[in-house]
Amino acid sequence: MNIKTLNSLALTALLGLAIAGCSKPAAEGGETASGGAHNHAEHSHAEMVKEASYEPGSIKAGDRGYCIVCVYKGGEGEEPIVDTLDYEGKTYAFCTESEKAQFISDPGKYLDEGHTPTGEGHDH
């Protein structure tokens, strides 16, 4: 595949994620992913990880996206991305360098089914 085809595929995947986002209303406020916030408590861990993982190269610093650490903590909505990391065939986005460091120190905490999301919300 050439780079143009890969870019088209990545763009199509991102568009698909944006369109297919969470359509369930939030417990409070009633907004959905297409309108902003939504309640991650209504999602399985696998759905949360899928929402916050991207195809390699499809998201970069300066874009808006889901920070894997914030999603795990119960954060809602897309936010400005400060940095990204490619890990096991996916790209993960981070809204702070601190949260990237948290992920690097224990990726399994955020990706494995056996871990329970904290629901503690953002701390930045």
Protein backbone atom coordinates (compact mmCIF):
# COMPACT_ATOMS: atom_id res chain seq x y z
CA MET A 1 0.00 0.00 0.00
CA ASN A 2 1.19 3.49 -0.68
CA ILE A 3 1.11 6.35 1.85
CA LYS A 4 -1.93 7.97 0.22
CA THR A 5 -3.94 4.77 0.64
CA LEU A 6 -2.82 4.42 4.26
CA ASN A 7 -3.78 8.02 5.00
CA SER A 8 -7.19 7.45 3.42
CA LEU A 9 -7.73 4.32 5.50
CA ALA A 10 -6.69 6.11 8.69
CA LEU A 11 -9.02 9.02 7.94
CA THR A 12 -11.88 6.62 7.21
CA ALA A 13 -11.24 4.79 10.49
CA LEU A 14 -11.25 8.05 12.45
CA LEU A 15 -14.43 9.19 10.75
CA GLY A 16 -16.04 5.84 11.55
CA LEU A 17 -15.08 6.18 15.21
CA ALA A 18 -16.47 9.70 15.33
CA ILE A 19 -19.76 8.65 13.75
CA ALA A 20 -20.09 5.42 15.75
CA GLY A 21 -19.20 7.08 19.06
CA CYS A 22 -21.25 6.66 22.18
CA SER A 23 -24.92 7.22 21.49
CA LYS A 24 -26.21 6.50 24.98
CA PRO A 25 -27.09 9.59 27.01
CA ALA A 26 -24.97 10.43 30.02
CA ALA A 27 -26.33 9.85 33.50
CA GLU A 28 -26.25 13.60 34.06
CA GLY A 29 -26.42 16.33 31.47
CA GLY A 30 -27.71 14.11 28.65
CA GLU A 31 -24.92 14.86 26.18
CA THR A 32 -23.46 12.14 23.97
CA ALA A 33 -20.05 11.76 22.37
CA SER A 34 -21.27 13.60 19.33
CA GLY A 35 -22.26 16.47 21.62
CA GLY A 36 -19.43 16.21 24.10
CA ALA A 37 -19.65 14.31 27.37
CA HIS A 38 -20.99 10.85 28.05
CA ASN A 39 -20.95 8.36 30.88
CA HIS A 40 -18.22 5.73 30.58
CA ALA A 41 -19.82 3.69 33.38
CA GLU A 42 -22.26 2.42 30.73
CA HIS A 43 -19.41 0.90 28.69
CA SER A 44 -17.42 -2.30 29.11
CA HIS A 45 -13.70 -1.99 29.67
CA ALA A 46 -13.08 -3.29 26.14
CA GLU A 47 -15.34 -0.59 24.66
CA MET A 48 -13.50 2.10 26.63
CA VAL A 49 -10.10 0.87 25.43
CA LYS A 50 -11.33 0.71 21.82
CA GLU A 51 -12.62 4.28 22.08
CA ALA A 52 -9.23 5.51 23.29
CA SER A 53 -7.00 3.52 20.92
CA TYR A 54 -6.17 4.67 17.42
CA GLU A 55 -4.62 3.23 14.30
CA PRO A 56 -0.87 4.02 14.22
CA GLY A 57 -0.21 7.52 12.93
CA SER A 58 -3.86 8.54 12.86
CA ILE A 59 -3.63 10.94 15.82
CA LYS A 60 -0.89 13.33 16.86
CA ALA A 61 -0.11 16.12 19.32
CA GLY A 62 -2.37 19.07 18.64
CA ASP A 63 -5.34 16.91 17.59
CA ARG A 64 -8.39 16.32 19.78
CA GLY A 65 -8.99 12.80 21.01
CA TYR A 66 -9.56 10.50 23.94
CA CYS A 67 -6.74 10.21 26.48
CA ILE A 68 -6.55 6.53 27.49
CA VAL A 69 -5.74 7.44 31.11
CA CYS A 70 -8.60 9.94 31.38
CA VAL A 71 -11.05 7.46 29.82
CA TYR A 72 -9.94 4.86 32.38
CA LYS A 73 -10.50 7.38 35.19
CA GLY A 74 -13.98 8.20 33.93
CA GLY A 75 -13.15 11.33 31.95
CA GLU A 76 -15.68 12.34 29.37
CA GLY A 77 -15.23 13.71 25.90
CA GLU A 78 -12.36 14.46 23.60
CA GLU A 79 -9.62 16.83 24.69
CA PRO A 80 -6.49 18.42 23.21
CA ILE A 81 -3.76 15.83 22.77
CA VAL A 82 -0.30 16.71 24.09
CA ASP A 83 1.53 13.52 23.11
CA THR A 84 1.00 10.00 21.74
CA LEU A 85 2.61 6.60 22.13
CA ASP A 86 2.56 3.56 19.86
CA TYR A 87 2.09 0.40 21.91
CA GLU A 88 1.32 -3.12 20.69
CA GLY A 89 0.08 -2.00 17.28
CA LYS A 90 -2.12 0.88 18.45
CA THR A 91 -1.53 4.56 19.11
CA TYR A 92 -2.64 5.95 22.46
CA ALA A 93 -3.18 9.65 23.06
CA PHE A 94 -2.46 11.64 26.21
CA CYS A 95 -3.66 15.03 27.37
CA THR A 96 -0.65 15.54 29.69
CA GLU A 97 2.93 14.23 29.89
CA SER A 98 2.11 13.00 33.41
CA GLU A 99 -0.66 10.76 32.12
CA LYS A 100 1.63 9.40 29.40
CA ALA A 101 4.13 8.52 32.17
CA GLN A 102 1.35 6.79 34.16
CA PHE A 103 0.47 4.68 31.12
CA ILE A 104 4.12 3.79 30.42
CA SER A 105 4.60 2.67 34.02
CA ASP A 106 1.68 0.20 33.86
CA PRO A 107 0.00 -0.17 30.44
CA GLY A 108 -1.85 -3.27 31.60
CA LYS A 109 -3.73 -1.22 34.17
CA TYR A 110 -5.39 0.70 31.35
CA LEU A 111 -5.67 -2.07 28.73
CA ASP A 112 -6.32 -5.39 30.52
CA GLU A 113 -9.84 -6.66 31.12
CA GLY A 114 -8.90 -7.71 34.67
CA HIS A 115 -8.46 -4.12 35.85
CA THR A 116 -11.47 -2.15 36.99
CA PRO A 117 -11.68 1.52 35.96
CA THR A 118 -11.49 3.84 38.93
CA GLY A 119 -14.16 6.35 38.00
CA GLU A 120 -12.10 8.94 39.86
CA GLY A 121 -12.27 11.48 37.03
CA HIS A 122 -9.61 13.83 35.78
CA ASP A 123 -6.86 15.11 38.05
CA HIS A 124 -5.18 17.64 35.75
